[in-house]
Amino acid sequence: MELRDIGWALGELSANHRDAVLLAGKGVSIEDAACQLAIPEGTFKSRVARGRMRLRKLIEDRDARPL
């Protein structure tokens, strides 16, 4: 896996999922991240979970990655 693959996969996420995953990856607390995105905490957690699941699928699917 190369760094460009991760960048590409992040670009394939919706903006909502990407923002949530990036905030979680930076270690921002659930409370602070939800406040920054102006969404409920449960919505933030859901977006992180779904975004991570989509990232995993994109990264594992070698046929989906750019050459």
Protein backbone atom coordinates (compact mmCIF):
# COMPACT_ATOMS: atom_id res chain seq x y z
CA MET A 1 0.00 0.00 0.00
CA GLU A 2 1.29 3.40 -0.90
CA LEU A 3 0.42 6.78 0.52
CA ARG A 4 -1.10 7.81 -2.81
CA ASP A 5 -3.55 4.90 -2.51
CA ILE A 6 -4.78 6.23 0.81
CA GLY A 7 -5.10 9.73 -0.64
CA TRP A 8 -7.06 8.35 -3.58
CA ALA A 9 -9.32 6.29 -1.29
CA LEU A 10 -10.04 9.32 0.92
CA GLY A 11 -10.98 11.23 -2.22
CA GLU A 12 -13.53 8.55 -3.05
CA LEU A 13 -15.43 9.11 0.20
CA SER A 14 -18.29 11.55 0.46
CA ALA A 15 -17.30 14.87 2.00
CA ASN A 16 -19.28 14.05 5.15
CA HIS A 17 -17.53 10.72 5.68
CA ARG A 18 -14.11 12.09 4.75
CA ASP A 19 -14.38 14.99 7.22
CA ALA A 20 -15.44 12.66 10.03
CA VAL A 21 -12.70 10.10 9.31
CA LEU A 22 -10.02 12.78 9.15
CA LEU A 23 -11.10 14.36 12.45
CA ALA A 24 -11.18 10.95 14.12
CA GLY A 25 -7.76 10.17 12.67
CA LYS A 26 -6.39 13.35 14.20
CA GLY A 27 -7.59 12.21 17.61
CA VAL A 28 -10.26 14.88 17.99
CA SER A 29 -12.77 13.86 20.66
CA ILE A 30 -16.24 12.79 19.60
CA GLU A 31 -17.74 15.79 21.34
CA ASP A 32 -15.38 18.31 19.72
CA ALA A 33 -15.60 16.76 16.27
CA ALA A 34 -19.39 16.68 16.35
CA CYS A 35 -19.39 20.33 17.43
CA GLN A 36 -16.97 21.29 14.63
CA LEU A 37 -19.18 19.57 12.06
CA ALA A 38 -22.40 20.86 13.69
CA ILE A 39 -23.89 17.37 13.91
CA PRO A 40 -25.02 15.13 16.77
CA GLU A 41 -22.39 12.86 18.34
CA GLY A 42 -24.21 9.75 17.16
CA THR A 43 -24.14 11.01 13.58
CA PHE A 44 -20.42 11.65 13.87
CA LYS A 45 -19.78 8.13 15.15
CA SER A 46 -21.89 6.67 12.34
CA ARG A 47 -20.03 8.66 9.69
CA VAL A 48 -16.67 7.56 11.06
CA ALA A 49 -17.72 3.89 11.12
CA ARG A 50 -19.19 3.98 7.61
CA GLY A 51 -16.28 6.01 6.25
CA ARG A 52 -13.72 3.59 7.69
CA MET A 53 -15.64 0.62 6.31
CA ARG A 54 -15.70 2.20 2.83
CA LEU A 55 -11.98 3.04 3.05
CA ARG A 56 -11.18 -0.53 3.98
CA LYS A 57 -13.13 -1.85 0.99
CA LEU A 58 -11.49 0.59 -1.40
CA ILE A 59 -7.99 -0.17 -0.16
CA GLU A 60 -8.50 -3.93 -0.20
CA ASP A 61 -10.01 -3.95 -3.71
CA ARG A 62 -6.92 -3.81 -5.91
CA ASP A 63 -9.06 -3.50 -9.05
CA ALA A 64 -10.62 -0.28 -7.78
CA ARG A 65 -7.30 1.49 -7.22
CA PRO A 66 -5.79 3.76 -9.86
CA LEU A 67 -2.71 2.53 -11.69
